[in-house]
């Protein structure tokens, strides 16, 4: 009941980050490793990752990118504890990216393969 045909629409905030190229997704991954101290990202860490990787690509001012980033952060912070899971953020952005389905699956698998053994343990 209530199901519609087609894809679910993206909210306006996250829509700004859809179809990012593969290299930008990997830049986000690298910036996460440089910026974050754990897997729980604060809003400031999240915004710094976005600024360092996407402001030039998206041609947004820092103010506009922060404004949109705060909306996305609030969307991802579903338990309202002022932290978002970094791997969920990266996986979400990858799934919305312009990568091929195979590249998306490989990337998402890779970020959860902590010991790089080719298995999720």
PDB file of N, CA and C in Angstrom:
ATOM      1  N   UNK A   1       0.827  -1.175   0.000  1.00  0.00           N
ATOM      2  CA  UNK A   1       0.000   0.000   0.000  1.00  0.00           C
ATOM      3  C   UNK A   1       0.878   1.247   0.000  1.00  0.00           C
ATOM      4  N   UNK A   2       0.488   2.221  -0.726  1.00  0.00           N
ATOM      5  CA  UNK A   2       1.192   3.493  -0.723  1.00  0.00           C
ATOM      6  C   UNK A   2       2.446   3.514  -1.567  1.00  0.00           C
ATOM      7  N   UNK A   3       2.794   2.383  -2.167  1.00  0.00           N
ATOM      8  CA  UNK A   3       4.017   2.338  -2.952  1.00  0.00           C
ATOM      9  C   UNK A   3       3.780   3.005  -4.302  1.00  0.00           C
ATOM     10  N   UNK A   4       4.783   3.755  -4.760  1.00  0.00           N
ATOM     11  CA  UNK A   4       4.688   4.374  -6.074  1.00  0.00           C
ATOM     12  C   UNK A   4       5.760   3.794  -6.968  1.00  0.00           C
ATOM     13  N   UNK A   5       5.594   3.944  -8.229  1.00  0.00           N
ATOM     14  CA  UNK A   5       6.575   3.471  -9.197  1.00  0.00           C
ATOM     15  C   UNK A   5       7.719   4.473  -9.308  1.00  0.00           C
ATOM     16  N   UNK A   6       8.887   3.970  -9.633  1.00  0.00           N
ATOM     17  CA  UNK A   6      10.029   4.855  -9.835  1.00  0.00           C
ATOM     18  C   UNK A   6      10.882   4.962  -8.598  1.00  0.00           C
ATOM     19  N   UNK A   7      11.757   5.931  -8.640  1.00  0.00           N
ATOM     20  CA  UNK A   7      12.698   6.124  -7.546  1.00  0.00           C
ATOM     21  C   UNK A   7      12.146   7.108  -6.521  1.00  0.00           C
ATOM     22  N   UNK A   8      12.571   6.900  -5.299  1.00  0.00           N
ATOM     23  CA  UNK A   8      12.193   7.837  -4.247  1.00  0.00           C
ATOM     24  C   UNK A   8      12.941   9.143  -4.485  1.00  0.00           C
ATOM     25  N   UNK A   9      12.284  10.262  -4.321  1.00  0.00           N
ATOM     26  CA  UNK A   9      12.975  11.540  -4.549  1.00  0.00           C
ATOM     27  C   UNK A   9      13.971  11.830  -3.431  1.00  0.00           C
ATOM     28  N   UNK A  10      15.079  12.454  -3.794  1.00  0.00           N
ATOM     29  CA  UNK A  10      16.049  12.899  -2.792  1.00  0.00           C
ATOM     30  C   UNK A  10      15.565  14.189  -2.167  1.00  0.00           C
ATOM     31  N   UNK A  11      15.846  14.340  -0.900  1.00  0.00           N
ATOM     32  CA  UNK A  11      15.547  15.608  -0.237  1.00  0.00           C
ATOM     33  C   UNK A  11      16.417  16.697  -0.852  1.00  0.00           C
ATOM     34  N   UNK A  12      15.993  17.949  -0.790  1.00  0.00           N
ATOM     35  CA  UNK A  12      16.762  19.037  -1.421  1.00  0.00           C
ATOM     36  C   UNK A  12      18.217  19.142  -0.958  1.00  0.00           C
ATOM     37  N   UNK A  13      18.501  18.951   0.338  1.00  0.00           N
ATOM     38  CA  UNK A  13      19.881  19.048   0.819  1.00  0.00           C
ATOM     39  C   UNK A  13      20.783  18.005   0.181  1.00  0.00           C
ATOM     40  N   UNK A  14      20.469  16.712   0.368  1.00  0.00           N
ATOM     41  CA  UNK A  14      21.305  15.666  -0.223  1.00  0.00           C
ATOM     42  C   UNK A  14      21.360  15.701  -1.747  1.00  0.00           C
ATOM     43  N   UNK A  15      20.325  16.222  -2.383  1.00  0.00           N
ATOM     44  CA  UNK A  15      20.299  16.263  -3.842  1.00  0.00           C
ATOM     45  C   UNK A  15      21.521  16.999  -4.409  1.00  0.00           C
ATOM     46  N   UNK A  16      22.031  17.980  -3.664  1.00  0.00           N
ATOM     47  CA  UNK A  16      23.202  18.724  -4.112  1.00  0.00           C
ATOM     48  C   UNK A  16      24.439  17.851  -4.235  1.00  0.00           C
ATOM     49  N   UNK A  17      24.450  16.710  -3.569  1.00  0.00           N
ATOM     50  CA  UNK A  17      25.617  15.832  -3.565  1.00  0.00           C
ATOM     51  C   UNK A  17      25.425  14.588  -4.428  1.00  0.00           C
ATOM     52  N   UNK A  18      24.373  14.551  -5.224  1.00  0.00           N
ATOM     53  CA  UNK A  18      24.152  13.394  -6.083  1.00  0.00           C
ATOM     54  C   UNK A  18      25.013  13.516  -7.348  1.00  0.00           C
ATOM     55  N   UNK A  19      25.336  12.376  -7.897  1.00  0.00           N
ATOM     56  CA  UNK A  19      26.114  12.256  -9.136  1.00  0.00           C
ATOM     57  C   UNK A  19      27.541  12.795  -9.037  1.00  0.00           C
ATOM     58  N   UNK A  20      28.110  12.780  -7.836  1.00  0.00           N
ATOM     59  CA  UNK A  20      29.512  13.182  -7.705  1.00  0.00           C
ATOM     60  C   UNK A  20      30.380  12.180  -8.457  1.00  0.00           C
ATOM     61  N   UNK A  21      31.453  12.656  -9.090  1.00  0.00           N
ATOM     62  CA  UNK A  21      32.334  11.724  -9.802  1.00  0.00           C
ATOM     63  C   UNK A  21      33.136  10.852  -8.830  1.00  0.00           C
ATOM     64  N   UNK A  22      33.610   9.733  -9.326  1.00  0.00           N
ATOM     65  CA  UNK A  22      34.354   8.752  -8.541  1.00  0.00           C
ATOM     66  C   UNK A  22      35.515   9.389  -7.783  1.00  0.00           C
ATOM     67  N   UNK A  23      36.261  10.270  -8.441  1.00  0.00           N
ATOM     68  CA  UNK A  23      37.428  10.859  -7.775  1.00  0.00           C
ATOM     69  C   UNK A  23      37.026  11.699  -6.568  1.00  0.00           C
ATOM     70  N   UNK A  24      35.857  12.314  -6.597  1.00  0.00           N
ATOM     71  CA  UNK A  24      35.404  13.110  -5.451  1.00  0.00           C
ATOM     72  C   UNK A  24      34.997  12.204  -4.283  1.00  0.00           C
ATOM     73  N   UNK A  25      34.432  11.053  -4.578  1.00  0.00           N
ATOM     74  CA  UNK A  25      34.088  10.108  -3.516  1.00  0.00           C
ATOM     75  C   UNK A  25      35.369   9.636  -2.825  1.00  0.00           C
ATOM     76  N   UNK A  26      36.398   9.351  -3.599  1.00  0.00           N
ATOM     77  CA  UNK A  26      37.660   8.928  -3.005  1.00  0.00           C
ATOM     78  C   UNK A  26      38.344  10.078  -2.266  1.00  0.00           C
ATOM     79  N   UNK A  27      38.153  11.305  -2.731  1.00  0.00           N
ATOM     80  CA  UNK A  27      38.670  12.460  -1.983  1.00  0.00           C
ATOM     81  C   UNK A  27      37.966  12.589  -0.632  1.00  0.00           C
ATOM     82  N   UNK A  28      36.655  12.360  -0.604  1.00  0.00           N
ATOM     83  CA  UNK A  28      35.918  12.385   0.660  1.00  0.00           C
ATOM     84  C   UNK A  28      36.472  11.327   1.613  1.00  0.00           C
ATOM     85  N   UNK A  29      36.742  10.142   1.088  1.00  0.00           N
ATOM     86  CA  UNK A  29      37.306   9.047   1.881  1.00  0.00           C
ATOM     87  C   UNK A  29      38.663   9.452   2.466  1.00  0.00           C
ATOM     88  N   UNK A  30      39.514  10.037   1.636  1.00  0.00           N
ATOM     89  CA  UNK A  30      40.823  10.485   2.101  1.00  0.00           C
ATOM     90  C   UNK A  30      40.727  11.596   3.125  1.00  0.00           C
ATOM     91  N   UNK A  31      39.847  12.543   2.890  1.00  0.00           N
ATOM     92  CA  UNK A  31      39.674  13.654   3.814  1.00  0.00           C
ATOM     93  C   UNK A  31      39.124  13.171   5.149  1.00  0.00           C
ATOM     94  N   UNK A  32      38.234  12.177   5.102  1.00  0.00           N
ATOM     95  CA  UNK A  32      37.728  11.585   6.340  1.00  0.00           C
ATOM     96  C   UNK A  32      38.895  11.071   7.179  1.00  0.00           C
ATOM     97  N   UNK A  33      39.833  10.375   6.546  1.00  0.00           N
ATOM     98  CA  UNK A  33      40.980   9.833   7.284  1.00  0.00           C
ATOM     99  C   UNK A  33      41.864  10.934   7.855  1.00  0.00           C
ATOM    100  N   UNK A  34      41.941  12.062   7.158  1.00  0.00           N
ATOM    101  CA  UNK A  34      42.762  13.178   7.636  1.00  0.00           C
ATOM    102  C   UNK A  34      42.075  13.984   8.741  1.00  0.00           C
ATOM    103  N   UNK A  35      40.765  14.145   8.650  1.00  0.00           N
ATOM    104  CA  UNK A  35      40.028  15.047   9.539  1.00  0.00           C
ATOM    105  C   UNK A  35      39.492  14.390  10.801  1.00  0.00           C
ATOM    106  N   UNK A  36      38.993  13.188  10.669  1.00  0.00           N
ATOM    107  CA  UNK A  36      38.231  12.577  11.756  1.00  0.00           C
ATOM    108  C   UNK A  36      39.128  11.844  12.747  1.00  0.00           C
ATOM    109  N   UNK A  37      38.668  11.819  13.974  1.00  0.00           N
ATOM    110  CA  UNK A  37      39.393  11.102  15.015  1.00  0.00           C
ATOM    111  C   UNK A  37      38.735   9.771  15.343  1.00  0.00           C
ATOM    112  N   UNK A  38      37.605   9.497  14.755  1.00  0.00           N
ATOM    113  CA  UNK A  38      36.894   8.241  14.976  1.00  0.00           C
ATOM    114  C   UNK A  38      35.846   8.076  13.895  1.00  0.00           C
ATOM    115  N   UNK A  39      34.975   7.104  14.085  1.00  0.00           N
ATOM    116  CA  UNK A  39      33.941   6.853  13.088  1.00  0.00           C
ATOM    117  C   UNK A  39      32.701   7.703  13.302  1.00  0.00           C
ATOM    118  N   UNK A  40      32.597   8.357  14.433  1.00  0.00           N
ATOM    119  CA  UNK A  40      31.504   9.285  14.683  1.00  0.00           C
ATOM    120  C   UNK A  40      31.962  10.687  14.331  1.00  0.00           C
ATOM    121  N   UNK A  41      31.362  11.287  13.315  1.00  0.00           N
ATOM    122  CA  UNK A  41      31.751  12.629  12.875  1.00  0.00           C
ATOM    123  C   UNK A  41      30.899  13.696  13.544  1.00  0.00           C
ATOM    124  N   UNK A  42      31.555  14.727  14.032  1.00  0.00           N
ATOM    125  CA  UNK A  42      30.830  15.898  14.509  1.00  0.00           C
ATOM    126  C   UNK A  42      30.415  16.729  13.299  1.00  0.00           C
ATOM    127  N   UNK A  43      29.539  17.671  13.521  1.00  0.00           N
ATOM    128  CA  UNK A  43      29.130  18.550  12.426  1.00  0.00           C
ATOM    129  C   UNK A  43      30.332  19.330  11.880  1.00  0.00           C
ATOM    130  N   UNK A  44      31.209  19.811  12.755  1.00  0.00           N
ATOM    131  CA  UNK A  44      32.386  20.558  12.299  1.00  0.00           C
ATOM    132  C   UNK A  44      33.306  19.695  11.441  1.00  0.00           C
ATOM    133  N   UNK A  45      33.526  18.436  11.836  1.00  0.00           N
ATOM    134  CA  UNK A  45      34.364  17.536  11.034  1.00  0.00           C
ATOM    135  C   UNK A  45      33.713  17.267   9.682  1.00  0.00           C
ATOM    136  N   UNK A  46      32.411  17.015   9.698  1.00  0.00           N
ATOM    137  CA  UNK A  46      31.678  16.758   8.461  1.00  0.00           C
ATOM    138  C   UNK A  46      31.781  17.943   7.507  1.00  0.00           C
ATOM    139  N   UNK A  47      31.563  19.145   8.026  1.00  0.00           N
ATOM    140  CA  UNK A  47      31.624  20.344   7.179  1.00  0.00           C
ATOM    141  C   UNK A  47      33.031  20.565   6.642  1.00  0.00           C
ATOM    142  N   UNK A  48      34.042  20.295   7.438  1.00  0.00           N
ATOM    143  CA  UNK A  48      35.424  20.455   6.975  1.00  0.00           C
ATOM    144  C   UNK A  48      35.738  19.465   5.858  1.00  0.00           C
ATOM    145  N   UNK A  49      35.246  18.254   5.959  1.00  0.00           N
ATOM    146  CA  UNK A  49      35.433  17.262   4.895  1.00  0.00           C
ATOM    147  C   UNK A  49      34.768  17.755   3.613  1.00  0.00           C
ATOM    148  N   UNK A  50      33.534  18.247   3.715  1.00  0.00           N
ATOM    149  CA  UNK A  50      32.842  18.763   2.529  1.00  0.00           C
ATOM    150  C   UNK A  50      33.589  19.943   1.927  1.00  0.00           C
ATOM    151  N   UNK A  51      34.010  20.887   2.775  1.00  0.00           N
ATOM    152  CA  UNK A  51      34.730  22.075   2.279  1.00  0.00           C
ATOM    153  C   UNK A  51      36.003  21.677   1.546  1.00  0.00           C
ATOM    154  N   UNK A  52      36.777  20.773   2.144  1.00  0.00           N
ATOM    155  CA  UNK A  52      38.072  20.433   1.567  1.00  0.00           C
ATOM    156  C   UNK A  52      37.954  19.692   0.245  1.00  0.00           C
ATOM    157  N   UNK A  53      36.841  19.026   0.022  1.00  0.00           N
ATOM    158  CA  UNK A  53      36.702  18.203  -1.181  1.00  0.00           C
ATOM    159  C   UNK A  53      35.749  18.751  -2.240  1.00  0.00           C
ATOM    160  N   UNK A  54      34.727  19.484  -1.818  1.00  0.00           N
ATOM    161  CA  UNK A  54      33.632  19.760  -2.751  1.00  0.00           C
ATOM    162  C   UNK A  54      33.357  21.224  -3.069  1.00  0.00           C
ATOM    163  N   UNK A  55      33.918  22.167  -2.326  1.00  0.00           N
ATOM    164  CA  UNK A  55      33.545  23.568  -2.567  1.00  0.00           C
ATOM    165  C   UNK A  55      33.899  24.014  -3.982  1.00  0.00           C
ATOM    166  N   UNK A  56      35.064  23.657  -4.456  1.00  0.00           N
ATOM    167  CA  UNK A  56      35.453  24.041  -5.823  1.00  0.00           C
ATOM    168  C   UNK A  56      34.634  23.280  -6.853  1.00  0.00           C
ATOM    169  N   UNK A  57      34.488  21.978  -6.646  1.00  0.00           N
ATOM    170  CA  UNK A  57      33.744  21.135  -7.596  1.00  0.00           C
ATOM    171  C   UNK A  57      32.299  21.609  -7.749  1.00  0.00           C
ATOM    172  N   UNK A  58      31.652  21.900  -6.624  1.00  0.00           N
ATOM    173  CA  UNK A  58      30.244  22.314  -6.665  1.00  0.00           C
ATOM    174  C   UNK A  58      30.070  23.807  -6.943  1.00  0.00           C
ATOM    175  N   UNK A  59      31.183  24.543  -6.879  1.00  0.00           N
ATOM    176  CA  UNK A  59      31.169  25.991  -7.093  1.00  0.00           C
ATOM    177  C   UNK A  59      30.234  26.692  -6.118  1.00  0.00           C
ATOM    178  N   UNK A  60      30.287  26.241  -4.857  1.00  0.00           N
ATOM    179  CA  UNK A  60      29.512  26.860  -3.791  1.00  0.00           C
ATOM    180  C   UNK A  60      30.445  27.700  -2.938  1.00  0.00           C
ATOM    181  N   UNK A  61      29.923  28.792  -2.413  1.00  0.00           N
ATOM    182  CA  UNK A  61      30.678  29.539  -1.408  1.00  0.00           C
ATOM    183  C   UNK A  61      30.747  28.662  -0.157  1.00  0.00           C
ATOM    184  N   UNK A  62      31.698  28.969   0.720  1.00  0.00           N
ATOM    185  CA  UNK A  62      31.812  28.213   1.968  1.00  0.00           C
ATOM    186  C   UNK A  62      30.518  28.326   2.772  1.00  0.00           C
ATOM    187  N   UNK A  63      29.922  29.522   2.756  1.00  0.00           N
ATOM    188  CA  UNK A  63      28.682  29.745   3.493  1.00  0.00           C
ATOM    189  C   UNK A  63      27.557  28.852   2.967  1.00  0.00           C
ATOM    190  N   UNK A  64      27.410  28.783   1.634  1.00  0.00           N
ATOM    191  CA  UNK A  64      26.347  27.973   1.050  1.00  0.00           C
ATOM    192  C   UNK A  64      26.606  26.488   1.284  1.00  0.00           C
ATOM    193  N   UNK A  65      27.861  26.060   1.131  1.00  0.00           N
ATOM    194  CA  UNK A  65      28.188  24.654   1.353  1.00  0.00           C
ATOM    195  C   UNK A  65      27.920  24.269   2.813  1.00  0.00           C
ATOM    196  N   UNK A  66      28.273  25.157   3.741  1.00  0.00           N
ATOM    197  CA  UNK A  66      27.997  24.895   5.156  1.00  0.00           C
ATOM    198  C   UNK A  66      26.503  24.808   5.415  1.00  0.00           C
ATOM    199  N   UNK A  67      25.756  25.689   4.795  1.00  0.00           N
ATOM    200  CA  UNK A  67      24.299  25.718   4.974  1.00  0.00           C
ATOM    201  C   UNK A  67      23.682  24.393   4.506  1.00  0.00           C
ATOM    202  N   UNK A  68      24.069  23.947   3.325  1.00  0.00           N
ATOM    203  CA  UNK A  68      23.552  22.680   2.786  1.00  0.00           C
ATOM    204  C   UNK A  68      24.080  21.507   3.603  1.00  0.00           C
ATOM    205  N   UNK A  69      25.365  21.575   3.967  1.00  0.00           N
ATOM    206  CA  UNK A  69      25.972  20.509   4.754  1.00  0.00           C
ATOM    207  C   UNK A  69      25.289  20.311   6.089  1.00  0.00           C
ATOM    208  N   UNK A  70      24.862  21.402   6.721  1.00  0.00           N
ATOM    209  CA  UNK A  70      24.163  21.307   8.011  1.00  0.00           C
ATOM    210  C   UNK A  70      22.822  20.588   7.850  1.00  0.00           C
ATOM    211  N   UNK A  71      22.141  20.836   6.742  1.00  0.00           N
ATOM    212  CA  UNK A  71      20.869  20.154   6.473  1.00  0.00           C
ATOM    213  C   UNK A  71      21.113  18.656   6.301  1.00  0.00           C
ATOM    214  N   UNK A  72      22.168  18.316   5.545  1.00  0.00           N
ATOM    215  CA  UNK A  72      22.488  16.903   5.324  1.00  0.00           C
ATOM    216  C   UNK A  72      22.899  16.247   6.643  1.00  0.00           C
ATOM    217  N   UNK A  73      23.707  16.945   7.431  1.00  0.00           N
ATOM    218  CA  UNK A  73      24.129  16.404   8.728  1.00  0.00           C
ATOM    219  C   UNK A  73      22.912  16.090   9.582  1.00  0.00           C
ATOM    220  N   UNK A  74      21.974  17.006   9.665  1.00  0.00           N
ATOM    221  CA  UNK A  74      20.762  16.805  10.469  1.00  0.00           C
ATOM    222  C   UNK A  74      19.964  15.619   9.939  1.00  0.00           C
ATOM    223  N   UNK A  75      19.922  15.464   8.613  1.00  0.00           N
ATOM    224  CA  UNK A  75      19.214  14.334   8.006  1.00  0.00           C
ATOM    225  C   UNK A  75      19.872  13.013   8.404  1.00  0.00           C
ATOM    226  N   UNK A  76      21.212  12.972   8.378  1.00  0.00           N
ATOM    227  CA  UNK A  76      21.935  11.738   8.701  1.00  0.00           C
ATOM    228  C   UNK A  76      21.989  11.455  10.207  1.00  0.00           C
ATOM    229  N   UNK A  77      21.841  12.471  11.024  1.00  0.00           N
ATOM    230  CA  UNK A  77      21.882  12.315  12.478  1.00  0.00           C
ATOM    231  C   UNK A  77      20.497  11.917  12.979  1.00  0.00           C
ATOM    232  N   UNK A  78      20.086  10.719  12.624  1.00  0.00           N
ATOM    233  CA  UNK A  78      18.713  10.313  12.905  1.00  0.00           C
ATOM    234  C   UNK A  78      18.433  10.060  14.379  1.00  0.00           C
ATOM    235  N   UNK A  79      19.473   9.892  15.193  1.00  0.00           N
ATOM    236  CA  UNK A  79      19.225   9.729  16.631  1.00  0.00           C
ATOM    237  C   UNK A  79      19.494  11.017  17.412  1.00  0.00           C
ATOM    238  N   UNK A  80      19.777  12.098  16.686  1.00  0.00           N
ATOM    239  CA  UNK A  80      19.946  13.438  17.273  1.00  0.00           C
ATOM    240  C   UNK A  80      20.978  13.484  18.404  1.00  0.00           C
ATOM    241  N   UNK A  81      22.115  12.775  18.206  1.00  0.00           N
ATOM    242  CA  UNK A  81      23.176  12.796  19.214  1.00  0.00           C
ATOM    243  C   UNK A  81      24.355  13.684  18.798  1.00  0.00           C
ATOM    244  N   UNK A  82      24.148  14.487  17.752  1.00  0.00           N
ATOM    245  CA  UNK A  82      25.159  15.414  17.240  1.00  0.00           C
ATOM    246  C   UNK A  82      26.379  14.716  16.657  1.00  0.00           C
ATOM    247  N   UNK A  83      26.207  13.471  16.230  1.00  0.00           N
ATOM    248  CA  UNK A  83      27.239  12.707  15.526  1.00  0.00           C
ATOM    249  C   UNK A  83      26.584  11.960  14.375  1.00  0.00           C
ATOM    250  N   UNK A  84      27.345  11.790  13.297  1.00  0.00           N
ATOM    251  CA  UNK A  84      26.887  10.912  12.222  1.00  0.00           C
ATOM    252  C   UNK A  84      27.943   9.839  12.019  1.00  0.00           C
ATOM    253  N   UNK A  85      27.511   8.683  11.582  1.00  0.00           N
ATOM    254  CA  UNK A  85      28.426   7.592  11.310  1.00  0.00           C
ATOM    255  C   UNK A  85      29.153   7.890  10.002  1.00  0.00           C
ATOM    256  N   UNK A  86      30.475   7.970  10.079  1.00  0.00           N
ATOM    257  CA  UNK A  86      31.271   8.339   8.904  1.00  0.00           C
ATOM    258  C   UNK A  86      31.104   7.346   7.769  1.00  0.00           C
ATOM    259  N   UNK A  87      31.054   6.071   8.090  1.00  0.00           N
ATOM    260  CA  UNK A  87      30.938   5.075   7.027  1.00  0.00           C
ATOM    261  C   UNK A  87      29.569   5.124   6.368  1.00  0.00           C
ATOM    262  N   UNK A  88      28.524   5.422   7.140  1.00  0.00           N
ATOM    263  CA  UNK A  88      27.200   5.572   6.546  1.00  0.00           C
ATOM    264  C   UNK A  88      27.159   6.802   5.640  1.00  0.00           C
ATOM    265  N   UNK A  89      27.799   7.886   6.070  1.00  0.00           N
ATOM    266  CA  UNK A  89      27.872   9.089   5.231  1.00  0.00           C
ATOM    267  C   UNK A  89      28.592   8.778   3.929  1.00  0.00           C
ATOM    268  N   UNK A  90      29.754   8.115   4.014  1.00  0.00           N
ATOM    269  CA  UNK A  90      30.523   7.806   2.813  1.00  0.00           C
ATOM    270  C   UNK A  90      29.774   6.831   1.905  1.00  0.00           C
ATOM    271  N   UNK A  91      29.136   5.831   2.502  1.00  0.00           N
ATOM    272  CA  UNK A  91      28.361   4.874   1.711  1.00  0.00           C
ATOM    273  C   UNK A  91      27.177   5.562   1.034  1.00  0.00           C
ATOM    274  N   UNK A  92      26.512   6.460   1.745  1.00  0.00           N
ATOM    275  CA  UNK A  92      25.368   7.187   1.170  1.00  0.00           C
ATOM    276  C   UNK A  92      25.796   8.035  -0.018  1.00  0.00           C
ATOM    277  N   UNK A  93      26.889   8.780   0.150  1.00  0.00           N
ATOM    278  CA  UNK A  93      27.375   9.620  -0.938  1.00  0.00           C
ATOM    279  C   UNK A  93      27.820   8.762  -2.119  1.00  0.00           C
ATOM    280  N   UNK A  94      28.431   7.609  -1.854  1.00  0.00           N
ATOM    281  CA  UNK A  94      28.861   6.720  -2.934  1.00  0.00           C
ATOM    282  C   UNK A  94      27.665   6.178  -3.705  1.00  0.00           C
ATOM    283  N   UNK A  95      26.634   5.760  -2.978  1.00  0.00           N
ATOM    284  CA  UNK A  95      25.441   5.206  -3.638  1.00  0.00           C
ATOM    285  C   UNK A  95      24.756   6.260  -4.505  1.00  0.00           C
ATOM    286  N   UNK A  96      24.811   7.530  -4.095  1.00  0.00           N
ATOM    287  CA  UNK A  96      24.192   8.608  -4.881  1.00  0.00           C
ATOM    288  C   UNK A  96      25.119   9.123  -5.979  1.00  0.00           C
ATOM    289  N   UNK A  97      26.348   8.620  -6.025  1.00  0.00           N
ATOM    290  CA  UNK A  97      27.355   9.173  -6.931  1.00  0.00           C
ATOM    291  C   UNK A  97      27.133   8.751  -8.380  1.00  0.00           C
ATOM    292  N   UNK A  98      27.999   9.259  -9.225  1.00  0.00           N
ATOM    293  CA  UNK A  98      27.958   8.922 -10.645  1.00  0.00           C
ATOM    294  C   UNK A  98      28.756   7.674 -10.986  1.00  0.00           C
ATOM    295  N   UNK A  99      29.246   6.959  -9.967  1.00  0.00           N
ATOM    296  CA  UNK A  99      29.982   5.724 -10.219  1.00  0.00           C
ATOM    297  C   UNK A  99      29.047   4.666 -10.789  1.00  0.00           C
ATOM    298  N   UNK A 100      29.632   3.686 -11.460  1.00  0.00           N
ATOM    299  CA  UNK A 100      28.826   2.574 -11.963  1.00  0.00           C
ATOM    300  C   UNK A 100      28.347   1.750 -10.769  1.00  0.00           C
ATOM    301  N   UNK A 101      27.298   0.961 -10.944  1.00  0.00           N
ATOM    302  CA  UNK A 101      26.845   0.110  -9.838  1.00  0.00           C
ATOM    303  C   UNK A 101      27.956  -0.797  -9.295  1.00  0.00           C
ATOM    304  N   UNK A 102      28.784  -1.339 -10.159  1.00  0.00           N
ATOM    305  CA  UNK A 102      29.884  -2.204  -9.710  1.00  0.00           C
ATOM    306  C   UNK A 102      30.892  -1.404  -8.890  1.00  0.00           C
ATOM    307  N   UNK A 103      31.225  -0.190  -9.322  1.00  0.00           N
ATOM    308  CA  UNK A 103      32.153   0.664  -8.570  1.00  0.00           C
ATOM    309  C   UNK A 103      31.575   1.040  -7.213  1.00  0.00           C
ATOM    310  N   UNK A 104      30.280   1.322  -7.180  1.00  0.00           N
ATOM    311  CA  UNK A 104      29.620   1.659  -5.913  1.00  0.00           C
ATOM    312  C   UNK A 104      29.715   0.491  -4.937  1.00  0.00           C
ATOM    313  N   UNK A 105      29.380  -0.701  -5.421  1.00  0.00           N
ATOM    314  CA  UNK A 105      29.418  -1.886  -4.558  1.00  0.00           C
ATOM    315  C   UNK A 105      30.836  -2.148  -4.051  1.00  0.00           C
ATOM    316  N   UNK A 106      31.813  -2.012  -4.918  1.00  0.00           N
ATOM    317  CA  UNK A 106      33.206  -2.245  -4.537  1.00  0.00           C
ATOM    318  C   UNK A 106      33.666  -1.217  -3.497  1.00  0.00           C
ATOM    319  N   UNK A 107      33.305   0.045  -3.687  1.00  0.00           N
ATOM    320  CA  UNK A 107      33.688   1.092  -2.748  1.00  0.00           C
ATOM    321  C   UNK A 107      33.053   0.850  -1.382  1.00  0.00           C
ATOM    322  N   UNK A 108      31.742   0.625  -1.370  1.00  0.00           N
ATOM    323  CA  UNK A 108      31.034   0.437  -0.104  1.00  0.00           C
ATOM    324  C   UNK A 108      31.562  -0.808   0.613  1.00  0.00           C
ATOM    325  N   UNK A 109      31.776  -1.883  -0.121  1.00  0.00           N
ATOM    326  CA  UNK A 109      32.356  -3.084   0.490  1.00  0.00           C
ATOM    327  C   UNK A 109      33.714  -2.756   1.096  1.00  0.00           C
ATOM    328  N   UNK A 110      34.528  -2.018   0.352  1.00  0.00           N
ATOM    329  CA  UNK A 110      35.883  -1.676   0.800  1.00  0.00           C
ATOM    330  C   UNK A 110      35.924  -0.863   2.084  1.00  0.00           C
ATOM    331  N   UNK A 111      34.984   0.039   2.267  1.00  0.00           N
ATOM    332  CA  UNK A 111      35.030   0.854   3.484  1.00  0.00           C
ATOM    333  C   UNK A 111      34.594   0.067   4.721  1.00  0.00           C
ATOM    334  N   UNK A 112      33.861  -1.034   4.510  1.00  0.00           N
ATOM    335  CA  UNK A 112      33.455  -1.872   5.632  1.00  0.00           C
ATOM    336  C   UNK A 112      34.363  -3.095   5.822  1.00  0.00           C
ATOM    337  N   UNK A 113      35.304  -3.314   4.910  1.00  0.00           N
ATOM    338  CA  UNK A 113      36.271  -4.416   5.016  1.00  0.00           C
ATOM    339  C   UNK A 113      37.465  -3.910   5.821  1.00  0.00           C
ATOM    340  N   UNK A 114      37.306  -3.840   7.123  1.00  0.00           N
ATOM    341  CA  UNK A 114      38.272  -3.181   7.998  1.00  0.00           C
ATOM    342  C   UNK A 114      39.663  -3.786   7.947  1.00  0.00           C
ATOM    343  N   UNK A 115      39.757  -5.102   7.859  1.00  0.00           N
ATOM    344  CA  UNK A 115      41.087  -5.713   7.855  1.00  0.00           C
ATOM    345  C   UNK A 115      41.586  -6.037   6.440  1.00  0.00           C
ATOM    346  N   UNK A 116      40.851  -5.563   5.438  1.00  0.00           N
ATOM    347  CA  UNK A 116      41.217  -5.708   4.024  1.00  0.00           C
ATOM    348  C   UNK A 116      41.487  -7.158   3.623  1.00  0.00           C
ATOM    349  N   UNK A 117      40.674  -8.075   4.181  1.00  0.00           N
ATOM    350  CA  UNK A 117      40.840  -9.496   3.860  1.00  0.00           C
ATOM    351  C   UNK A 117      39.887  -9.951   2.758  1.00  0.00           C
ATOM    352  N   UNK A 118      39.045  -9.044   2.281  1.00  0.00           N
ATOM    353  CA  UNK A 118      38.086  -9.408   1.245  1.00  0.00           C
ATOM    354  C   UNK A 118      36.799 -10.015   1.794  1.00  0.00           C
ATOM    355  N   UNK A 119      36.652  -9.959   3.112  1.00  0.00           N
ATOM    356  CA  UNK A 119      35.457 -10.470   3.777  1.00  0.00           C
ATOM    357  C   UNK A 119      34.936  -9.447   4.763  1.00  0.00           C
ATOM    358  N   UNK A 120      33.647  -9.448   4.973  1.00  0.00           N
ATOM    359  CA  UNK A 120      33.067  -8.609   6.019  1.00  0.00           C
ATOM    360  C   UNK A 120      32.966  -9.463   7.268  1.00  0.00           C
ATOM    361  N   UNK A 121      33.716  -9.073   8.285  1.00  0.00           N
ATOM    362  CA  UNK A 121      33.754  -9.894   9.501  1.00  0.00           C
ATOM    363  C   UNK A 121      33.218  -9.129  10.685  1.00  0.00           C
TER     364      UNK A 121
END
